[in-house]
Amino acid sequence: MAETRKRKTRKKRVAGTRAGIAAPDLLDLTCTLMATRGFHATTFQLIADRAGVSQTTILHYFKDRLGLARQVVLHVVQANRDSVIELRTENDSSLDQLRKHFLGNFRWARDRPDQASVILLLYYLGSVDPEFSELYRRVLEAARGRITGLLEAAIREGTLPTTLPLSETTEILHELLLGSILNRVSTGNLADGESIHLRKLELVLARFA
């Protein structure tokens, strides 16, 4: 049985190599197509044509369109996370990390509007498909959890008071961040300075400092 599983795994890996395109590159391409063509117009055939591979290759990675959309969302969430983490340094305080969390998100939306627009897709699919509704819930929970963790660390460091209403502050900050990104993506106003949105963060923090 173990040998059978090994052969199947090896076969799948070789097929992906023969195709000449790795899954992350395919997901990146799909993000761009979805941003310019829309979700419904981004067919497997269109993706295959742009990638220069057969439609069978696309089906090698994704069994259906919703499976593709799910992987695109997870790919974008990870890309967003990476863009934030790379700004941090060892000497950052928790509040510094919170500011960089906002800054990294804004820069990501500015530099990768195609990826940021996938968040709109997650909203849409979450409203019509139970599986995506659950995926949105988990993405939301993780995003707010990161903010909560930074606020808790700031309280331990003494830069925020112990009386901070943690849940409410997390919700306010996350909605400020997400709302700013969605507004910028939806209006195409991606070049406006991050300083405008960071000032809003400082206003919220000043309320509790």
N, C-alpha and C. Protein backbone atom coordinates (compact mmCIF):
# COMPACT_ATOMS: atom_id res chain seq x y z
N MET A 1 0.82 -1.21 0.00
CA MET A 1 0.00 0.00 0.00
C MET A 1 0.86 1.26 0.00
N ALA A 2 1.90 1.29 0.83
CA ALA A 2 2.79 2.45 0.89
C ALA A 2 3.47 2.68 -0.44
N GLU A 3 3.87 1.57 -1.10
CA GLU A 3 4.55 1.69 -2.39
C GLU A 3 3.60 2.26 -3.43
N THR A 4 2.31 1.84 -3.37
CA THR A 4 1.31 2.36 -4.32
C THR A 4 1.15 3.86 -4.15
N ARG A 5 1.05 4.32 -2.90
CA ARG A 5 0.91 5.76 -2.64
C ARG A 5 2.12 6.50 -3.14
N LYS A 6 3.31 5.93 -2.97
CA LYS A 6 4.53 6.59 -3.41
C LYS A 6 4.54 6.78 -4.91
N ARG A 7 4.11 5.72 -5.65
CA ARG A 7 4.09 5.81 -7.11
C ARG A 7 3.11 6.87 -7.58
N LYS A 8 1.93 6.95 -6.92
CA LYS A 8 0.94 7.94 -7.30
C LYS A 8 1.46 9.35 -7.07
N THR A 9 2.11 9.57 -5.93
CA THR A 9 2.66 10.89 -5.62
C THR A 9 3.72 11.29 -6.62
N ARG A 10 4.60 10.34 -6.97
CA ARG A 10 5.66 10.63 -7.93
C ARG A 10 5.08 10.99 -9.29
N LYS A 11 4.04 10.25 -9.71
CA LYS A 11 3.42 10.50 -11.00
C LYS A 11 2.82 11.90 -11.06
N LYS A 12 2.17 12.32 -9.99
CA LYS A 12 1.56 13.65 -9.96
C LYS A 12 2.62 14.73 -10.04
N ARG A 13 3.73 14.55 -9.32
CA ARG A 13 4.79 15.55 -9.32
C ARG A 13 5.42 15.68 -10.71
N VAL A 14 5.67 14.56 -11.38
CA VAL A 14 6.27 14.59 -12.71
C VAL A 14 5.34 15.24 -13.71
N ALA A 15 4.01 14.94 -13.61
CA ALA A 15 3.05 15.55 -14.52
C ALA A 15 3.07 17.06 -14.39
N GLY A 16 3.19 17.55 -13.14
CA GLY A 16 3.26 19.00 -12.93
C GLY A 16 4.52 19.60 -13.53
N THR A 17 5.62 18.84 -13.47
CA THR A 17 6.87 19.31 -14.05
C THR A 17 6.78 19.36 -15.57
N ARG A 18 6.19 18.34 -16.15
CA ARG A 18 6.05 18.31 -17.60
C ARG A 18 5.20 19.47 -18.10
N ALA A 19 4.26 19.88 -17.29
CA ALA A 19 3.37 20.96 -17.72
C ALA A 19 4.12 22.27 -17.90
N GLY A 20 5.23 22.42 -17.21
CA GLY A 20 6.05 23.62 -17.39
C GLY A 20 5.58 24.81 -16.59
N ILE A 21 4.63 24.63 -15.66
CA ILE A 21 4.19 25.73 -14.83
C ILE A 21 3.86 25.20 -13.44
N ALA A 22 4.36 25.88 -12.43
CA ALA A 22 4.12 25.47 -11.05
C ALA A 22 2.80 26.06 -10.56
N ALA A 23 2.23 25.41 -9.55
CA ALA A 23 0.93 25.85 -9.04
C ALA A 23 0.92 27.31 -8.59
N PRO A 24 1.94 27.79 -7.84
CA PRO A 24 1.92 29.21 -7.44
C PRO A 24 1.89 30.18 -8.62
N ASP A 25 2.63 29.85 -9.68
CA ASP A 25 2.62 30.70 -10.87
C ASP A 25 1.26 30.67 -11.55
N LEU A 26 0.65 29.52 -11.55
CA LEU A 26 -0.68 29.38 -12.15
C LEU A 26 -1.71 30.18 -11.36
N LEU A 27 -1.59 30.15 -10.04
CA LEU A 27 -2.50 30.91 -9.19
C LEU A 27 -2.30 32.41 -9.37
N ASP A 28 -1.05 32.83 -9.52
CA ASP A 28 -0.75 34.24 -9.76
C ASP A 28 -1.37 34.70 -11.08
N LEU A 29 -1.23 33.89 -12.10
CA LEU A 29 -1.82 34.20 -13.40
C LEU A 29 -3.33 34.29 -13.29
N THR A 30 -3.93 33.37 -12.55
CA THR A 30 -5.37 33.36 -12.39
C THR A 30 -5.86 34.60 -11.66
N CYS A 31 -5.09 35.06 -10.65
CA CYS A 31 -5.43 36.31 -9.96
C CYS A 31 -5.53 37.46 -10.96
N THR A 32 -4.55 37.56 -11.83
CA THR A 32 -4.52 38.64 -12.81
C THR A 32 -5.71 38.55 -13.75
N LEU A 33 -6.02 37.34 -14.21
CA LEU A 33 -7.14 37.16 -15.12
C LEU A 33 -8.47 37.48 -14.44
N MET A 34 -8.63 37.06 -13.20
CA MET A 34 -9.87 37.34 -12.48
C MET A 34 -10.05 38.84 -12.26
N ALA A 35 -8.93 39.54 -12.03
CA ALA A 35 -9.00 40.98 -11.79
C ALA A 35 -9.37 41.74 -13.07
N THR A 36 -8.94 41.24 -14.21
CA THR A 36 -9.19 41.95 -15.47
C THR A 36 -10.43 41.43 -16.20
N ARG A 37 -10.75 40.15 -16.04
CA ARG A 37 -11.87 39.55 -16.77
C ARG A 37 -13.09 39.29 -15.90
N GLY A 38 -12.87 39.19 -14.60
CA GLY A 38 -13.96 38.78 -13.71
C GLY A 38 -13.94 37.29 -13.48
N PHE A 39 -14.57 36.87 -12.40
CA PHE A 39 -14.53 35.46 -12.00
C PHE A 39 -15.20 34.56 -13.04
N HIS A 40 -16.40 34.93 -13.47
CA HIS A 40 -17.16 34.05 -14.36
C HIS A 40 -16.51 33.93 -15.74
N ALA A 41 -15.83 34.97 -16.18
CA ALA A 41 -15.20 34.93 -17.51
C ALA A 41 -13.84 34.25 -17.49
N THR A 42 -13.32 33.98 -16.30
CA THR A 42 -12.01 33.32 -16.19
C THR A 42 -12.22 31.81 -16.21
N THR A 43 -12.29 31.28 -17.41
CA THR A 43 -12.52 29.85 -17.60
C THR A 43 -11.20 29.07 -17.55
N PHE A 44 -11.32 27.77 -17.39
CA PHE A 44 -10.13 26.92 -17.43
C PHE A 44 -9.42 27.06 -18.78
N GLN A 45 -10.21 27.19 -19.85
CA GLN A 45 -9.60 27.30 -21.16
C GLN A 45 -8.81 28.60 -21.30
N LEU A 46 -9.36 29.70 -20.76
CA LEU A 46 -8.65 30.97 -20.81
C LEU A 46 -7.35 30.89 -20.03
N ILE A 47 -7.41 30.31 -18.84
CA ILE A 47 -6.20 30.16 -18.02
C ILE A 47 -5.16 29.32 -18.76
N ALA A 48 -5.63 28.22 -19.35
CA ALA A 48 -4.72 27.32 -20.08
C ALA A 48 -4.07 28.05 -21.26
N ASP A 49 -4.88 28.83 -22.00
CA ASP A 49 -4.35 29.57 -23.15
C ASP A 49 -3.28 30.57 -22.72
N ARG A 50 -3.56 31.30 -21.66
CA ARG A 50 -2.60 32.31 -21.18
C ARG A 50 -1.34 31.66 -20.60
N ALA A 51 -1.51 30.51 -19.99
CA ALA A 51 -0.35 29.81 -19.39
C ALA A 51 0.44 29.02 -20.43
N GLY A 52 -0.17 28.83 -21.62
CA GLY A 52 0.51 28.06 -22.66
C GLY A 52 0.53 26.58 -22.38
N VAL A 53 -0.51 26.09 -21.70
CA VAL A 53 -0.61 24.66 -21.39
C VAL A 53 -1.98 24.16 -21.83
N SER A 54 -2.20 22.87 -21.69
CA SER A 54 -3.50 22.30 -22.04
C SER A 54 -4.48 22.47 -20.88
N GLN A 55 -5.77 22.39 -21.21
CA GLN A 55 -6.78 22.46 -20.16
C GLN A 55 -6.66 21.29 -19.20
N THR A 56 -6.16 20.15 -19.71
CA THR A 56 -5.93 18.98 -18.87
C THR A 56 -4.93 19.29 -17.76
N THR A 57 -3.95 20.13 -18.07
CA THR A 57 -2.97 20.52 -17.05
C THR A 57 -3.64 21.30 -15.93
N ILE A 58 -4.57 22.19 -16.28
CA ILE A 58 -5.29 22.96 -15.25
C ILE A 58 -6.08 22.00 -14.36
N LEU A 59 -6.73 21.02 -14.98
CA LEU A 59 -7.50 20.04 -14.22
C LEU A 59 -6.60 19.15 -13.38
N HIS A 60 -5.33 19.08 -13.74
CA HIS A 60 -4.36 18.32 -12.94
C HIS A 60 -4.21 18.97 -11.56
N TYR A 61 -4.31 20.29 -11.51
CA TYR A 61 -4.17 21.02 -10.25
C TYR A 61 -5.50 21.26 -9.55
N PHE A 62 -6.56 21.52 -10.31
CA PHE A 62 -7.83 21.95 -9.72
C PHE A 62 -8.98 21.15 -10.35
N LYS A 63 -9.82 20.55 -9.51
CA LYS A 63 -10.87 19.67 -10.04
C LYS A 63 -12.04 20.44 -10.63
N ASP A 64 -12.29 21.66 -10.14
CA ASP A 64 -13.39 22.46 -10.68
C ASP A 64 -13.12 23.93 -10.41
N ARG A 65 -14.03 24.81 -10.86
CA ARG A 65 -13.81 26.26 -10.75
C ARG A 65 -13.83 26.73 -9.30
N LEU A 66 -14.70 26.15 -8.50
CA LEU A 66 -14.74 26.55 -7.09
C LEU A 66 -13.49 26.09 -6.37
N GLY A 67 -12.97 24.92 -6.75
CA GLY A 67 -11.70 24.47 -6.18
C GLY A 67 -10.57 25.40 -6.55
N LEU A 68 -10.59 25.88 -7.79
CA LEU A 68 -9.60 26.86 -8.24
C LEU A 68 -9.73 28.16 -7.45
N ALA A 69 -10.97 28.64 -7.30
CA ALA A 69 -11.19 29.89 -6.56
C ALA A 69 -10.72 29.77 -5.12
N ARG A 70 -10.96 28.62 -4.51
CA ARG A 70 -10.53 28.40 -3.13
C ARG A 70 -9.01 28.48 -3.02
N GLN A 71 -8.31 27.84 -3.95
CA GLN A 71 -6.85 27.87 -3.92
C GLN A 71 -6.31 29.27 -4.20
N VAL A 72 -6.99 30.01 -5.06
CA VAL A 72 -6.59 31.39 -5.33
C VAL A 72 -6.71 32.23 -4.06
N VAL A 73 -7.81 32.07 -3.35
CA VAL A 73 -8.01 32.82 -2.10
C VAL A 73 -6.90 32.49 -1.10
N LEU A 74 -6.62 31.22 -0.91
CA LEU A 74 -5.58 30.82 0.05
C LEU A 74 -4.21 31.33 -0.39
N HIS A 75 -3.94 31.32 -1.69
CA HIS A 75 -2.69 31.85 -2.23
C HIS A 75 -2.56 33.33 -1.93
N VAL A 76 -3.64 34.08 -2.10
CA VAL A 76 -3.64 35.52 -1.87
C VAL A 76 -3.47 35.83 -0.38
N VAL A 77 -4.15 35.07 0.46
CA VAL A 77 -4.02 35.28 1.91
C VAL A 77 -2.57 35.10 2.35
N GLN A 78 -1.90 34.07 1.82
CA GLN A 78 -0.50 33.83 2.17
C GLN A 78 0.41 34.93 1.62
N ALA A 79 0.15 35.37 0.39
CA ALA A 79 0.94 36.45 -0.20
C ALA A 79 0.80 37.73 0.61
N ASN A 80 -0.40 38.00 1.05
CA ASN A 80 -0.64 39.16 1.90
C ASN A 80 0.13 39.05 3.21
N ARG A 81 0.07 37.89 3.81
CA ARG A 81 0.77 37.66 5.08
C ARG A 81 2.28 37.84 4.92
N ASP A 82 2.82 37.31 3.85
CA ASP A 82 4.27 37.43 3.60
C ASP A 82 4.69 38.88 3.43
N SER A 83 3.85 39.68 2.77
CA SER A 83 4.20 41.09 2.53
C SER A 83 4.24 41.89 3.82
N VAL A 84 3.46 41.46 4.80
CA VAL A 84 3.46 42.14 6.10
C VAL A 84 4.66 41.71 6.93
N ILE A 85 4.91 40.42 6.97
CA ILE A 85 5.99 39.89 7.81
C ILE A 85 7.35 40.43 7.39
N GLU A 86 7.56 40.61 6.09
CA GLU A 86 8.88 41.03 5.61
C GLU A 86 9.24 42.46 6.04
N LEU A 87 8.27 43.23 6.53
CA LEU A 87 8.56 44.59 7.01
C LEU A 87 9.09 44.60 8.44
N ARG A 88 8.87 43.53 9.18
CA ARG A 88 9.18 43.53 10.60
C ARG A 88 10.68 43.34 10.85
N THR A 89 11.12 43.90 11.98
CA THR A 89 12.49 43.69 12.43
C THR A 89 12.47 43.20 13.88
N GLU A 90 13.59 42.71 14.33
CA GLU A 90 13.67 42.14 15.68
C GLU A 90 13.42 43.19 16.76
N ASN A 91 13.73 44.44 16.48
CA ASN A 91 13.62 45.48 17.50
C ASN A 91 12.26 46.17 17.53
N ASP A 92 11.34 45.73 16.70
CA ASP A 92 10.01 46.35 16.67
C ASP A 92 9.26 46.08 17.97
N SER A 93 8.63 47.12 18.49
CA SER A 93 7.70 46.92 19.60
C SER A 93 6.41 46.35 19.01
N SER A 94 5.51 45.96 19.88
CA SER A 94 4.23 45.41 19.41
C SER A 94 3.43 46.47 18.65
N LEU A 95 3.49 47.71 19.10
CA LEU A 95 2.79 48.78 18.37
C LEU A 95 3.47 49.05 17.02
N ASP A 96 4.80 48.94 16.99
CA ASP A 96 5.50 49.07 15.70
C ASP A 96 5.02 47.98 14.73
N GLN A 97 4.89 46.77 15.24
CA GLN A 97 4.43 45.66 14.41
C GLN A 97 3.00 45.89 13.93
N LEU A 98 2.17 46.48 14.79
CA LEU A 98 0.79 46.78 14.40
C LEU A 98 0.77 47.82 13.28
N ARG A 99 1.60 48.84 13.42
CA ARG A 99 1.69 49.86 12.36
C ARG A 99 2.17 49.23 11.05
N LYS A 100 3.16 48.34 11.15
CA LYS A 100 3.67 47.69 9.94
C LYS A 100 2.66 46.70 9.37
N HIS A 101 1.81 46.17 10.24
CA HIS A 101 0.73 45.32 9.76
C HIS A 101 -0.18 46.11 8.83
N PHE A 102 -0.52 47.31 9.23
CA PHE A 102 -1.34 48.18 8.38
C PHE A 102 -0.57 48.59 7.13
N LEU A 103 0.67 49.05 7.32
CA LEU A 103 1.47 49.52 6.19
C LEU A 103 1.68 48.41 5.17
N GLY A 104 2.01 47.21 5.64
CA GLY A 104 2.23 46.09 4.73
C GLY A 104 0.99 45.75 3.93
N ASN A 105 -0.17 45.80 4.57
CA ASN A 105 -1.42 45.54 3.87
C ASN A 105 -1.70 46.59 2.81
N PHE A 106 -1.47 47.87 3.15
CA PHE A 106 -1.72 48.94 2.18
C PHE A 106 -0.77 48.84 0.99
N ARG A 107 0.48 48.54 1.26
CA ARG A 107 1.45 48.42 0.16
C ARG A 107 1.13 47.21 -0.71
N TRP A 108 0.69 46.14 -0.08
CA TRP A 108 0.30 44.96 -0.85
C TRP A 108 -0.85 45.28 -1.79
N ALA A 109 -1.86 45.99 -1.28
CA ALA A 109 -3.01 46.36 -2.12
C ALA A 109 -2.58 47.28 -3.25
N ARG A 110 -1.62 48.16 -2.97
CA ARG A 110 -1.13 49.08 -3.99
C ARG A 110 -0.32 48.35 -5.06
N ASP A 111 0.55 47.44 -4.62
CA ASP A 111 1.46 46.76 -5.55
C ASP A 111 0.82 45.57 -6.24
N ARG A 112 -0.15 44.94 -5.59
CA ARG A 112 -0.81 43.77 -6.17
C ARG A 112 -2.33 43.94 -6.13
N PRO A 113 -2.85 44.90 -6.87
CA PRO A 113 -4.31 45.10 -6.87
C PRO A 113 -5.06 43.89 -7.38
N ASP A 114 -4.42 43.09 -8.24
CA ASP A 114 -5.07 41.88 -8.72
C ASP A 114 -5.31 40.91 -7.58
N GLN A 115 -4.32 40.77 -6.68
CA GLN A 115 -4.50 39.90 -5.53
C GLN A 115 -5.52 40.50 -4.55
N ALA A 116 -5.44 41.81 -4.33
CA ALA A 116 -6.36 42.45 -3.39
C ALA A 116 -7.81 42.31 -3.86
N SER A 117 -8.03 42.30 -5.16
CA SER A 117 -9.39 42.19 -5.67
C SER A 117 -9.99 40.82 -5.39
N VAL A 118 -9.15 39.83 -5.12
CA VAL A 118 -9.65 38.50 -4.78
C VAL A 118 -10.42 38.52 -3.46
N ILE A 119 -10.10 39.49 -2.59
CA ILE A 119 -10.85 39.63 -1.35
C ILE A 119 -12.32 39.93 -1.66
N LEU A 120 -12.55 40.74 -2.71
CA LEU A 120 -13.93 41.00 -3.14
C LEU A 120 -14.60 39.72 -3.60
N LEU A 121 -13.83 38.87 -4.29
CA LEU A 121 -14.37 37.58 -4.74
C LEU A 121 -14.76 36.72 -3.55
N LEU A 122 -13.94 36.73 -2.50
CA LEU A 122 -14.24 35.95 -1.31
C LEU A 122 -15.55 36.43 -0.68
N TYR A 123 -15.76 37.75 -0.65
CA TYR A 123 -17.01 38.30 -0.13
C TYR A 123 -18.20 37.78 -0.93
N TYR A 124 -18.04 37.84 -2.26
CA TYR A 124 -19.15 37.42 -3.12
C TYR A 124 -19.45 35.93 -2.95
N LEU A 125 -18.43 35.10 -3.06
CA LEU A 125 -18.65 33.66 -2.97
C LEU A 125 -19.12 33.26 -1.57
N GLY A 126 -18.66 33.99 -0.56
CA GLY A 126 -19.11 33.71 0.79
C GLY A 126 -20.59 33.96 0.99
N SER A 127 -21.15 34.83 0.17
CA SER A 127 -22.58 35.15 0.29
C SER A 127 -23.47 34.15 -0.44
N VAL A 128 -22.88 33.32 -1.31
CA VAL A 128 -23.71 32.40 -2.10
C VAL A 128 -23.33 30.94 -1.93
N ASP A 129 -22.20 30.67 -1.28
CA ASP A 129 -21.73 29.29 -1.17
C ASP A 129 -21.31 28.99 0.27
N PRO A 130 -21.91 27.98 0.91
CA PRO A 130 -21.61 27.68 2.32
C PRO A 130 -20.13 27.38 2.57
N GLU A 131 -19.47 26.70 1.63
CA GLU A 131 -18.06 26.37 1.82
C GLU A 131 -17.21 27.65 1.87
N PHE A 132 -17.53 28.61 1.01
CA PHE A 132 -16.78 29.86 1.00
C PHE A 132 -17.17 30.74 2.18
N SER A 133 -18.39 30.60 2.66
CA SER A 133 -18.78 31.32 3.86
C SER A 133 -17.94 30.86 5.04
N GLU A 134 -17.71 29.56 5.13
CA GLU A 134 -16.85 29.01 6.19
C GLU A 134 -15.40 29.43 5.99
N LEU A 135 -14.94 29.45 4.74
CA LEU A 135 -13.57 29.90 4.46
C LEU A 135 -13.41 31.36 4.87
N TYR A 136 -14.39 32.20 4.55
CA TYR A 136 -14.33 33.61 4.95
C TYR A 136 -14.28 33.72 6.46
N ARG A 137 -15.08 32.92 7.16
CA ARG A 137 -15.09 32.98 8.62
C ARG A 137 -13.70 32.67 9.17
N ARG A 138 -13.03 31.68 8.61
CA ARG A 138 -11.71 31.29 9.11
C ARG A 138 -10.66 32.34 8.77
N VAL A 139 -10.74 32.93 7.57
CA VAL A 139 -9.82 34.00 7.19
C VAL A 139 -10.02 35.20 8.11
N LEU A 140 -11.28 35.55 8.37
CA LEU A 140 -11.59 36.67 9.26
C LEU A 140 -11.08 36.43 10.67
N GLU A 141 -11.30 35.22 11.16
CA GLU A 141 -10.86 34.87 12.51
C GLU A 141 -9.35 34.97 12.65
N ALA A 142 -8.62 34.49 11.63
CA ALA A 142 -7.16 34.55 11.67
C ALA A 142 -6.67 35.99 11.59
N ALA A 143 -7.29 36.80 10.73
CA ALA A 143 -6.87 38.19 10.57
C ALA A 143 -7.09 38.98 11.87
N ARG A 144 -8.23 38.79 12.48
CA ARG A 144 -8.50 39.49 13.74
C ARG A 144 -7.64 38.94 14.87
N GLY A 145 -7.34 37.65 14.81
CA GLY A 145 -6.49 37.05 15.83
C GLY A 145 -5.10 37.67 15.84
N ARG A 146 -4.58 37.98 14.65
CA ARG A 146 -3.25 38.61 14.59
C ARG A 146 -3.28 40.00 15.22
N ILE A 147 -4.33 40.75 14.97
CA ILE A 147 -4.44 42.08 15.56
C ILE A 147 -4.60 41.97 17.08
N THR A 148 -5.44 41.05 17.52
CA THR A 148 -5.62 40.85 18.95
C THR A 148 -4.30 40.49 19.63
N GLY A 149 -3.53 39.62 19.00
CA GLY A 149 -2.24 39.22 19.57
C GLY A 149 -1.30 40.39 19.75
N LEU A 150 -1.28 41.30 18.78
CA LEU A 150 -0.41 42.47 18.88
C LEU A 150 -0.90 43.44 19.96
N LEU A 151 -2.21 43.58 20.09
CA LEU A 151 -2.75 44.44 21.14
C LEU A 151 -2.45 43.87 22.52
N GLU A 152 -2.59 42.57 22.66
CA GLU A 152 -2.28 41.92 23.95
C GLU A 152 -0.81 42.10 24.30
N ALA A 153 0.07 41.97 23.30
CA ALA A 153 1.50 42.15 23.54
C ALA A 153 1.80 43.58 23.95
N ALA A 154 1.12 44.54 23.33
CA ALA A 154 1.32 45.95 23.67
C ALA A 154 0.87 46.23 25.10
N ILE A 155 -0.19 45.58 25.53
CA ILE A 155 -0.64 45.72 26.92
C ILE A 155 0.43 45.18 27.87
N ARG A 156 1.00 44.03 27.53
CA ARG A 156 2.06 43.46 28.38
C ARG A 156 3.28 44.37 28.42
N GLU A 157 3.56 45.04 27.30
CA GLU A 157 4.72 45.95 27.25
C GLU A 157 4.44 47.28 27.93
N GLY A 158 3.19 47.53 28.27
CA GLY A 158 2.83 48.77 28.96
C GLY A 158 2.57 49.94 28.03
N THR A 159 2.50 49.71 26.71
CA THR A 159 2.25 50.81 25.78
C THR A 159 0.75 51.00 25.51
N LEU A 160 -0.06 50.07 25.97
CA LEU A 160 -1.50 50.22 25.94
C LEU A 160 -2.04 49.84 27.32
N PRO A 161 -3.10 50.46 27.76
CA PRO A 161 -3.60 50.20 29.12
C PRO A 161 -4.29 48.85 29.25
N THR A 162 -4.30 48.32 30.46
CA THR A 162 -4.96 47.04 30.72
C THR A 162 -6.47 47.15 30.58
N THR A 163 -6.99 48.38 30.60
CA THR A 163 -8.44 48.59 30.47
C THR A 163 -8.89 48.59 29.01
N LEU A 164 -7.98 48.37 28.09
CA LEU A 164 -8.33 48.38 26.66
C LEU A 164 -9.43 47.36 26.36
N PRO A 165 -10.53 47.80 25.75
CA PRO A 165 -11.56 46.83 25.34
C PRO A 165 -11.07 46.04 24.13
N LEU A 166 -10.51 44.89 24.38
CA LEU A 166 -9.74 44.16 23.38
C LEU A 166 -10.57 43.75 22.16
N SER A 167 -11.70 43.14 22.41
CA SER A 167 -12.52 42.64 21.31
C SER A 167 -13.01 43.79 20.42
N GLU A 168 -13.50 44.85 21.06
CA GLU A 168 -14.03 45.98 20.29
C GLU A 168 -12.93 46.70 19.52
N THR A 169 -11.76 46.85 20.14
CA THR A 169 -10.65 47.53 19.47
C THR A 169 -10.17 46.71 18.28
N THR A 170 -10.09 45.41 18.45
CA THR A 170 -9.71 44.52 17.35
C THR A 170 -10.67 44.69 16.18
N GLU A 171 -11.95 44.69 16.48
CA GLU A 171 -12.96 44.81 15.42
C GLU A 171 -12.85 46.15 14.71
N ILE A 172 -12.68 47.22 15.47
CA ILE A 172 -12.54 48.56 14.87
C ILE A 172 -11.33 48.62 13.95
N LEU A 173 -10.19 48.12 14.44
CA LEU A 173 -8.96 48.18 13.64
C LEU A 173 -9.05 47.32 12.39
N HIS A 174 -9.61 46.14 12.53
CA HIS A 174 -9.73 45.27 11.35
C HIS A 174 -10.67 45.87 10.31
N GLU A 175 -11.78 46.42 10.77
CA GLU A 175 -12.72 47.02 9.82
C GLU A 175 -12.13 48.27 9.17
N LEU A 176 -11.33 49.01 9.91
CA LEU A 176 -10.63 50.16 9.34
C LEU A 176 -9.66 49.70 8.25
N LEU A 177 -8.92 48.66 8.54
CA LEU A 177 -7.94 48.14 7.59
C LEU A 177 -8.61 47.56 6.36
N LEU A 178 -9.55 46.66 6.57
CA LEU A 178 -10.20 45.99 5.45
C LEU A 178 -11.04 46.98 4.63
N GLY A 179 -11.76 47.87 5.32
CA GLY A 179 -12.56 48.85 4.60
C GLY A 179 -11.72 49.75 3.73
N SER A 180 -10.56 50.16 4.22
CA SER A 180 -9.67 51.01 3.43
C SER A 180 -9.20 50.29 2.18
N ILE A 181 -8.83 49.01 2.34
CA ILE A 181 -8.34 48.23 1.19
C ILE A 181 -9.46 48.02 0.17
N LEU A 182 -10.64 47.62 0.63
CA LEU A 182 -11.74 47.36 -0.28
C LEU A 182 -12.18 48.62 -1.02
N ASN A 183 -12.18 49.75 -0.31
CA ASN A 183 -12.53 51.02 -0.96
C ASN A 183 -11.52 51.38 -2.04
N ARG A 184 -10.25 51.16 -1.75
CA ARG A 184 -9.21 51.50 -2.72
C ARG A 184 -9.28 50.58 -3.94
N VAL A 185 -9.53 49.30 -3.70
CA VAL A 185 -9.62 48.36 -4.82
C VAL A 185 -10.86 48.65 -5.66
N SER A 186 -11.99 48.89 -5.00
CA SER A 186 -13.25 49.09 -5.71
C SER A 186 -13.28 50.38 -6.52
N THR A 187 -12.60 51.41 -6.03
CA THR A 187 -12.59 52.70 -6.73
C THR A 187 -11.39 52.85 -7.65
N GLY A 188 -10.43 51.93 -7.56
CA GLY A 188 -9.23 52.04 -8.37
C GLY A 188 -8.28 53.10 -7.89
N ASN A 189 -8.53 53.64 -6.69
CA ASN A 189 -7.70 54.71 -6.13
C ASN A 189 -6.59 54.08 -5.30
N LEU A 190 -5.62 53.46 -5.99
CA LEU A 190 -4.58 52.69 -5.31
C LEU A 190 -3.31 53.49 -5.06
N ALA A 191 -3.23 54.70 -5.61
CA ALA A 191 -1.99 55.47 -5.50
C ALA A 191 -1.99 56.45 -4.34
N ASP A 192 -3.12 56.57 -3.64
CA ASP A 192 -3.16 57.55 -2.55
C ASP A 192 -2.24 57.11 -1.43
N GLY A 193 -1.69 58.06 -0.71
CA GLY A 193 -0.66 57.77 0.27
C GLY A 193 -1.14 56.95 1.44
N GLU A 194 -0.30 56.02 1.86
CA GLU A 194 -0.63 55.21 3.03
C GLU A 194 -0.73 56.04 4.29
N SER A 195 -0.09 57.21 4.29
CA SER A 195 -0.08 58.05 5.50
C SER A 195 -1.49 58.45 5.91
N ILE A 196 -2.39 58.60 4.94
CA ILE A 196 -3.77 58.98 5.25
C ILE A 196 -4.42 57.90 6.11
N HIS A 197 -4.23 56.66 5.72
CA HIS A 197 -4.85 55.55 6.43
C HIS A 197 -4.12 55.25 7.73
N LEU A 198 -2.82 55.46 7.76
CA LEU A 198 -2.08 55.24 9.00
C LEU A 198 -2.44 56.26 10.06
N ARG A 199 -2.80 57.47 9.63
CA ARG A 199 -3.24 58.48 10.60
C ARG A 199 -4.53 58.04 11.29
N LYS A 200 -5.38 57.35 10.56
CA LYS A 200 -6.62 56.84 11.17
C LYS A 200 -6.29 55.80 12.24
N LEU A 201 -5.29 54.96 11.97
CA LEU A 201 -4.85 54.00 12.97
C LEU A 201 -4.36 54.72 14.21
N GLU A 202 -3.56 55.76 14.03
CA GLU A 202 -3.02 56.50 15.17
C GLU A 202 -4.14 57.16 15.98
N LEU A 203 -5.18 57.60 15.32
CA LEU A 203 -6.32 58.21 16.03
C LEU A 203 -6.99 57.18 16.94
N VAL A 204 -7.13 55.97 16.44
CA VAL A 204 -7.73 54.91 17.26
C VAL A 204 -6.82 54.57 18.44
N LEU A 205 -5.53 54.43 18.17
CA LEU A 205 -4.59 54.09 19.25
C LEU A 205 -4.50 55.21 20.29
N ALA A 206 -4.55 56.46 19.83
CA ALA A 206 -4.46 57.60 20.76
C ALA A 206 -5.64 57.63 21.73
N ARG A 207 -6.73 57.06 21.28
CA ARG A 207 -7.93 57.03 22.14
C ARG A 207 -7.68 56.20 23.39
N PHE A 208 -6.76 55.23 23.30
CA PHE A 208 -6.53 54.33 24.42
C PHE A 208 -5.15 54.47 25.05
N ALA A 209 -4.29 55.32 24.45
CA ALA A 209 -2.92 55.43 24.95
C ALA A 209 -2.88 56.06 26.33
